[in-house]
Amino acid sequence: MLLSFDDGKHWVDLYRARCTGDIPPVQMRMCTKFKPDGLTMATDVPQYSGYPLSFLGRLLLAKVAMVLHS
């Protein structure tokens, strides 16, 4: 497995099916504009074609918390 943080993101993409144990529920689907044509997705959680404002707010708060704890 290779983890690379060269692109500046401070989160890691992962596949939910690869996780085991007590997994929190999915809260949103992002960047759905890149899904393959013809793929139908479940509508159980909100879907966004890009990055939703609520997600960007969470990232900002996490970044502030990381800076303050340094």
PDB file of N, CA and C in Angstrom:
ATOM      1  N   MET A   1       0.840  -1.160   0.000  1.00  0.00           N
ATOM      2  CA  MET A   1       0.000   0.000   0.000  1.00  0.00           C
ATOM      3  C   MET A   1       0.895   1.236   0.000  1.00  0.00           C
ATOM      4  N   LEU A   2       0.507   2.221  -0.778  1.00  0.00           N
ATOM      5  CA  LEU A   2       1.244   3.468  -0.855  1.00  0.00           C
ATOM      6  C   LEU A   2       0.345   4.623  -0.450  1.00  0.00           C
ATOM      7  N   LEU A   3       0.788   5.407   0.493  1.00  0.00           N
ATOM      8  CA  LEU A   3       0.089   6.631   0.860  1.00  0.00           C
ATOM      9  C   LEU A   3       0.969   7.794   0.461  1.00  0.00           C
ATOM     10  N   SER A   4       0.435   8.678  -0.336  1.00  0.00           N
ATOM     11  CA  SER A   4       1.199   9.830  -0.788  1.00  0.00           C
ATOM     12  C   SER A   4       0.418  11.091  -0.480  1.00  0.00           C
ATOM     13  N   PHE A   5       1.062  12.062   0.133  1.00  0.00           N
ATOM     14  CA  PHE A   5       0.421  13.315   0.474  1.00  0.00           C
ATOM     15  C   PHE A   5       0.983  14.468  -0.351  1.00  0.00           C
ATOM     16  N   ASP A   6       1.463  14.169  -1.544  1.00  0.00           N
ATOM     17  CA  ASP A   6       2.077  15.182  -2.392  1.00  0.00           C
ATOM     18  C   ASP A   6       1.081  16.165  -2.973  1.00  0.00           C
ATOM     19  N   ASP A   7      -0.192  15.850  -2.983  1.00  0.00           N
ATOM     20  CA  ASP A   7      -1.170  16.732  -3.613  1.00  0.00           C
ATOM     21  C   ASP A   7      -1.723  17.797  -2.666  1.00  0.00           C
ATOM     22  N   GLY A   8      -1.260  17.843  -1.430  1.00  0.00           N
ATOM     23  CA  GLY A   8      -1.667  18.892  -0.500  1.00  0.00           C
ATOM     24  C   GLY A   8      -2.896  18.574   0.331  1.00  0.00           C
ATOM     25  N   LYS A   9      -3.604  17.491   0.037  1.00  0.00           N
ATOM     26  CA  LYS A   9      -4.769  17.137   0.851  1.00  0.00           C
ATOM     27  C   LYS A   9      -4.298  16.628   2.208  1.00  0.00           C
ATOM     28  N   HIS A  10      -5.057  16.922   3.254  1.00  0.00           N
ATOM     29  CA  HIS A  10      -4.713  16.362   4.558  1.00  0.00           C
ATOM     30  C   HIS A  10      -5.714  15.288   4.976  1.00  0.00           C
ATOM     31  N   TRP A  11      -6.335  14.663   3.989  1.00  0.00           N
ATOM     32  CA  TRP A  11      -7.181  13.506   4.252  1.00  0.00           C
ATOM     33  C   TRP A  11      -6.762  12.392   3.292  1.00  0.00           C
ATOM     34  N   VAL A  12      -7.205  11.207   3.570  1.00  0.00           N
ATOM     35  CA  VAL A  12      -6.849  10.047   2.768  1.00  0.00           C
ATOM     36  C   VAL A  12      -8.119   9.442   2.201  1.00  0.00           C
ATOM     37  N   ASP A  13      -8.140   9.217   0.894  1.00  0.00           N
ATOM     38  CA  ASP A  13      -9.271   8.534   0.266  1.00  0.00           C
ATOM     39  C   ASP A  13      -9.188   7.050   0.599  1.00  0.00           C
ATOM     40  N   LEU A  14     -10.341   6.437   0.887  1.00  0.00           N
ATOM     41  CA  LEU A  14     -10.353   5.006   1.136  1.00  0.00           C
ATOM     42  C   LEU A  14     -11.669   4.407   0.688  1.00  0.00           C
ATOM     43  N   TYR A  15     -11.647   3.104   0.495  1.00  0.00           N
ATOM     44  CA  TYR A  15     -12.844   2.366   0.093  1.00  0.00           C
ATOM     45  C   TYR A  15     -13.503   1.796   1.344  1.00  0.00           C
ATOM     46  N   ARG A  16     -14.754   2.149   1.567  1.00  0.00           N
ATOM     47  CA  ARG A  16     -15.485   1.726   2.758  1.00  0.00           C
ATOM     48  C   ARG A  16     -15.533   0.202   2.896  1.00  0.00           C
ATOM     49  N   ALA A  17     -15.637  -0.509   1.803  1.00  0.00           N
ATOM     50  CA  ALA A  17     -15.728  -1.969   1.850  1.00  0.00           C
ATOM     51  C   ALA A  17     -14.459  -2.608   2.421  1.00  0.00           C
ATOM     52  N   ARG A  18     -13.349  -1.876   2.410  1.00  0.00           N
ATOM     53  CA  ARG A  18     -12.088  -2.416   2.939  1.00  0.00           C
ATOM     54  C   ARG A  18     -11.974  -2.254   4.453  1.00  0.00           C
ATOM     55  N   CYS A  19     -12.878  -1.502   5.076  1.00  0.00           N
ATOM     56  CA  CYS A  19     -12.840  -1.270   6.522  1.00  0.00           C
ATOM     57  C   CYS A  19     -13.598  -2.371   7.250  1.00  0.00           C
ATOM     58  N   THR A  20     -13.160  -2.661   8.458  1.00  0.00           N
ATOM     59  CA  THR A  20     -13.832  -3.668   9.278  1.00  0.00           C
ATOM     60  C   THR A  20     -14.151  -3.067  10.637  1.00  0.00           C
ATOM     61  N   GLY A  21     -14.987  -3.732  11.375  1.00  0.00           N
ATOM     62  CA  GLY A  21     -15.322  -3.276  12.715  1.00  0.00           C
ATOM     63  C   GLY A  21     -16.526  -2.346  12.715  1.00  0.00           C
ATOM     64  N   ASP A  22     -16.593  -1.491  13.719  1.00  0.00           N
ATOM     65  CA  ASP A  22     -17.695  -0.550  13.895  1.00  0.00           C
ATOM     66  C   ASP A  22     -17.445   0.669  13.004  1.00  0.00           C
ATOM     67  N   ILE A  23     -18.059   0.696  11.833  1.00  0.00           N
ATOM     68  CA  ILE A  23     -17.831   1.744  10.845  1.00  0.00           C
ATOM     69  C   ILE A  23     -18.965   2.763  10.920  1.00  0.00           C
ATOM     70  N   PRO A  24     -18.642   4.066  11.005  1.00  0.00           N
ATOM     71  CA  PRO A  24     -19.707   5.073  11.024  1.00  0.00           C
ATOM     72  C   PRO A  24     -20.474   5.087   9.699  1.00  0.00           C
ATOM     73  N   PRO A  25     -21.715   5.529   9.715  1.00  0.00           N
ATOM     74  CA  PRO A  25     -22.493   5.546   8.478  1.00  0.00           C
ATOM     75  C   PRO A  25     -21.970   6.599   7.492  1.00  0.00           C
ATOM     76  N   VAL A  26     -22.247   6.381   6.229  1.00  0.00           N
ATOM     77  CA  VAL A  26     -21.894   7.351   5.191  1.00  0.00           C
ATOM     78  C   VAL A  26     -22.744   8.597   5.403  1.00  0.00           C
ATOM     79  N   GLN A  27     -22.123   9.783   5.304  1.00  0.00           N
ATOM     80  CA  GLN A  27     -22.848  11.031   5.532  1.00  0.00           C
ATOM     81  C   GLN A  27     -23.146  11.779   4.243  1.00  0.00           C
ATOM     82  N   MET A  28     -22.290  11.637   3.244  1.00  0.00           N
ATOM     83  CA  MET A  28     -22.498  12.317   1.963  1.00  0.00           C
ATOM     84  C   MET A  28     -21.618  11.674   0.899  1.00  0.00           C
ATOM     85  N   ARG A  29     -22.007  11.882  -0.357  1.00  0.00           N
ATOM     86  CA  ARG A  29     -21.191  11.445  -1.493  1.00  0.00           C
ATOM     87  C   ARG A  29     -20.746  12.690  -2.242  1.00  0.00           C
ATOM     88  N   MET A  30     -19.434  12.784  -2.473  1.00  0.00           N
ATOM     89  CA  MET A  30     -18.889  13.980  -3.113  1.00  0.00           C
ATOM     90  C   MET A  30     -18.312  13.648  -4.480  1.00  0.00           C
ATOM     91  N   CYS A  31     -18.222  14.658  -5.304  1.00  0.00           N
ATOM     92  CA  CYS A  31     -17.617  14.567  -6.640  1.00  0.00           C
ATOM     93  C   CYS A  31     -18.280  13.476  -7.481  1.00  0.00           C
ATOM     94  N   THR A  32     -19.592  13.417  -7.421  1.00  0.00           N
ATOM     95  CA  THR A  32     -20.308  12.397  -8.185  1.00  0.00           C
ATOM     96  C   THR A  32     -20.320  12.698  -9.678  1.00  0.00           C
ATOM     97  N   LYS A  33     -19.862  13.881 -10.088  1.00  0.00           N
ATOM     98  CA  LYS A  33     -19.794  14.181 -11.516  1.00  0.00           C
ATOM     99  C   LYS A  33     -18.758  13.305 -12.215  1.00  0.00           C
ATOM    100  N   PHE A  34     -17.887  12.643 -11.455  1.00  0.00           N
ATOM    101  CA  PHE A  34     -16.867  11.784 -12.036  1.00  0.00           C
ATOM    102  C   PHE A  34     -17.272  10.310 -12.069  1.00  0.00           C
ATOM    103  N   LYS A  35     -18.492  10.003 -11.675  1.00  0.00           N
ATOM    104  CA  LYS A  35     -18.924   8.598 -11.684  1.00  0.00           C
ATOM    105  C   LYS A  35     -19.056   8.108 -13.124  1.00  0.00           C
ATOM    106  N   PRO A  36     -18.877   6.821 -13.357  1.00  0.00           N
ATOM    107  CA  PRO A  36     -19.012   6.284 -14.710  1.00  0.00           C
ATOM    108  C   PRO A  36     -20.428   6.491 -15.267  1.00  0.00           C
ATOM    109  N   ASP A  37     -20.531   6.704 -16.553  1.00  0.00           N
ATOM    110  CA  ASP A  37     -21.840   6.857 -17.202  1.00  0.00           C
ATOM    111  C   ASP A  37     -22.657   5.586 -17.023  1.00  0.00           C
ATOM    112  N   GLY A  38     -23.929   5.766 -16.750  1.00  0.00           N
ATOM    113  CA  GLY A  38     -24.829   4.629 -16.596  1.00  0.00           C
ATOM    114  C   GLY A  38     -24.873   4.058 -15.193  1.00  0.00           C
ATOM    115  N   LEU A  39     -23.997   4.494 -14.298  1.00  0.00           N
ATOM    116  CA  LEU A  39     -23.985   4.000 -12.928  1.00  0.00           C
ATOM    117  C   LEU A  39     -25.091   4.688 -12.139  1.00  0.00           C
ATOM    118  N   THR A  40     -25.958   3.902 -11.527  1.00  0.00           N
ATOM    119  CA  THR A  40     -26.993   4.474 -10.673  1.00  0.00           C
ATOM    120  C   THR A  40     -26.553   4.315  -9.224  1.00  0.00           C
ATOM    121  N   MET A  41     -26.685   5.389  -8.479  1.00  0.00           N
ATOM    122  CA  MET A  41     -26.245   5.384  -7.085  1.00  0.00           C
ATOM    123  C   MET A  41     -27.458   5.435  -6.168  1.00  0.00           C
ATOM    124  N   ALA A  42     -27.307   4.856  -4.992  1.00  0.00           N
ATOM    125  CA  ALA A  42     -28.380   4.895  -3.992  1.00  0.00           C
ATOM    126  C   ALA A  42     -28.619   6.339  -3.578  1.00  0.00           C
ATOM    127  N   THR A  43     -29.834   6.655  -3.211  1.00  0.00           N
ATOM    128  CA  THR A  43     -30.189   8.018  -2.820  1.00  0.00           C
ATOM    129  C   THR A  43     -30.408   8.120  -1.306  1.00  0.00           C
ATOM    130  N   ASP A  44     -29.746   7.263  -0.548  1.00  0.00           N
ATOM    131  CA  ASP A  44     -29.926   7.248   0.904  1.00  0.00           C
ATOM    132  C   ASP A  44     -29.216   8.394   1.622  1.00  0.00           C
ATOM    133  N   VAL A  45     -28.216   9.007   0.994  1.00  0.00           N
ATOM    134  CA  VAL A  45     -27.498  10.149   1.576  1.00  0.00           C
ATOM    135  C   VAL A  45     -27.377  11.236   0.511  1.00  0.00           C
ATOM    136  N   PRO A  46     -27.147  12.487   0.921  1.00  0.00           N
ATOM    137  CA  PRO A  46     -27.000  13.555  -0.071  1.00  0.00           C
ATOM    138  C   PRO A  46     -25.822  13.310  -1.010  1.00  0.00           C
ATOM    139  N   GLN A  47     -26.002  13.694  -2.269  1.00  0.00           N
ATOM    140  CA  GLN A  47     -24.951  13.553  -3.282  1.00  0.00           C
ATOM    141  C   GLN A  47     -24.617  14.926  -3.836  1.00  0.00           C
ATOM    142  N   TYR A  48     -23.329  15.196  -4.010  1.00  0.00           N
ATOM    143  CA  TYR A  48     -22.876  16.482  -4.508  1.00  0.00           C
ATOM    144  C   TYR A  48     -21.950  16.269  -5.695  1.00  0.00           C
ATOM    145  N   SER A  49     -22.108  17.089  -6.714  1.00  0.00           N
ATOM    146  CA  SER A  49     -21.253  16.946  -7.895  1.00  0.00           C
ATOM    147  C   SER A  49     -19.842  17.448  -7.618  1.00  0.00           C
ATOM    148  N   GLY A  50     -19.679  18.310  -6.635  1.00  0.00           N
ATOM    149  CA  GLY A  50     -18.362  18.832  -6.246  1.00  0.00           C
ATOM    150  C   GLY A  50     -18.162  18.659  -4.754  1.00  0.00           C
ATOM    151  N   TYR A  51     -17.542  19.674  -4.132  1.00  0.00           N
ATOM    152  CA  TYR A  51     -17.335  19.656  -2.685  1.00  0.00           C
ATOM    153  C   TYR A  51     -18.386  20.549  -2.024  1.00  0.00           C
ATOM    154  N   PRO A  52     -19.224  20.001  -1.149  1.00  0.00           N
ATOM    155  CA  PRO A  52     -20.264  20.816  -0.506  1.00  0.00           C
ATOM    156  C   PRO A  52     -19.662  21.765   0.533  1.00  0.00           C
ATOM    157  N   LEU A  53     -20.345  22.863   0.771  1.00  0.00           N
ATOM    158  CA  LEU A  53     -19.890  23.872   1.722  1.00  0.00           C
ATOM    159  C   LEU A  53     -19.741  23.284   3.129  1.00  0.00           C
ATOM    160  N   SER A  54     -20.621  22.382   3.511  1.00  0.00           N
ATOM    161  CA  SER A  54     -20.524  21.778   4.850  1.00  0.00           C
ATOM    162  C   SER A  54     -19.228  20.976   4.999  1.00  0.00           C
ATOM    163  N   PHE A  55     -18.797  20.302   3.947  1.00  0.00           N
ATOM    164  CA  PHE A  55     -17.548  19.549   3.983  1.00  0.00           C
ATOM    165  C   PHE A  55     -16.351  20.495   4.082  1.00  0.00           C
ATOM    166  N   LEU A  56     -16.380  21.574   3.303  1.00  0.00           N
ATOM    167  CA  LEU A  56     -15.282  22.543   3.344  1.00  0.00           C
ATOM    168  C   LEU A  56     -15.196  23.206   4.716  1.00  0.00           C
ATOM    169  N   GLY A  57     -16.356  23.434   5.347  1.00  0.00           N
ATOM    170  CA  GLY A  57     -16.357  23.971   6.706  1.00  0.00           C
ATOM    171  C   GLY A  57     -15.724  23.009   7.696  1.00  0.00           C
ATOM    172  N   ARG A  58     -16.023  21.733   7.571  1.00  0.00           N
ATOM    173  CA  ARG A  58     -15.414  20.729   8.451  1.00  0.00           C
ATOM    174  C   ARG A  58     -13.907  20.677   8.254  1.00  0.00           C
ATOM    175  N   LEU A  59     -13.466  20.761   7.008  1.00  0.00           N
ATOM    176  CA  LEU A  59     -12.029  20.757   6.734  1.00  0.00           C
ATOM    177  C   LEU A  59     -11.350  21.979   7.352  1.00  0.00           C
ATOM    178  N   LEU A  60     -11.983  23.127   7.223  1.00  0.00           N
ATOM    179  CA  LEU A  60     -11.422  24.352   7.790  1.00  0.00           C
ATOM    180  C   LEU A  60     -11.302  24.241   9.309  1.00  0.00           C
ATOM    181  N   LEU A  61     -12.342  23.747   9.957  1.00  0.00           N
ATOM    182  CA  LEU A  61     -12.298  23.569  11.412  1.00  0.00           C
ATOM    183  C   LEU A  61     -11.220  22.559  11.824  1.00  0.00           C
ATOM    184  N   ALA A  62     -11.069  21.495  11.070  1.00  0.00           N
ATOM    185  CA  ALA A  62     -10.037  20.498  11.369  1.00  0.00           C
ATOM    186  C   ALA A  62      -8.646  21.102  11.203  1.00  0.00           C
ATOM    187  N   LYS A  63      -8.460  21.912  10.164  1.00  0.00           N
ATOM    188  CA  LYS A  63      -7.155  22.553   9.924  1.00  0.00           C
ATOM    189  C   LYS A  63      -6.830  23.531  11.049  1.00  0.00           C
ATOM    190  N   VAL A  64      -7.813  24.308  11.486  1.00  0.00           N
ATOM    191  CA  VAL A  64      -7.604  25.237  12.609  1.00  0.00           C
ATOM    192  C   VAL A  64      -7.237  24.464  13.870  1.00  0.00           C
ATOM    193  N   ALA A  65      -7.929  23.366  14.128  1.00  0.00           N
ATOM    194  CA  ALA A  65      -7.626  22.549  15.307  1.00  0.00           C
ATOM    195  C   ALA A  65      -6.210  21.984  15.230  1.00  0.00           C
ATOM    196  N   MET A  66      -5.776  21.571  14.044  1.00  0.00           N
ATOM    197  CA  MET A  66      -4.419  21.047  13.896  1.00  0.00           C
ATOM    198  C   MET A  66      -3.380  22.129  14.151  1.00  0.00           C
ATOM    199  N   VAL A  67      -3.634  23.338  13.675  1.00  0.00           N
ATOM    200  CA  VAL A  67      -2.694  24.440  13.869  1.00  0.00           C
ATOM    201  C   VAL A  67      -2.616  24.812  15.352  1.00  0.00           C
ATOM    202  N   LEU A  68      -3.749  24.873  16.031  1.00  0.00           N
ATOM    203  CA  LEU A  68      -3.776  25.262  17.435  1.00  0.00           C
ATOM    204  C   LEU A  68      -3.142  24.225  18.355  1.00  0.00           C
ATOM    205  N   HIS A  69      -3.143  22.970  17.966  1.00  0.00           N
ATOM    206  CA  HIS A  69      -2.565  21.910  18.796  1.00  0.00           C
ATOM    207  C   HIS A  69      -1.089  21.701  18.524  1.00  0.00           C
ATOM    208  N   SER A  70      -0.519  22.445  17.605  1.00  0.00           N
ATOM    209  CA  SER A  70       0.911  22.282  17.286  1.00  0.00           C
ATOM    210  C   SER A  70       1.781  23.007  18.279  1.00  0.00           C
TER     211      SER A  70
END
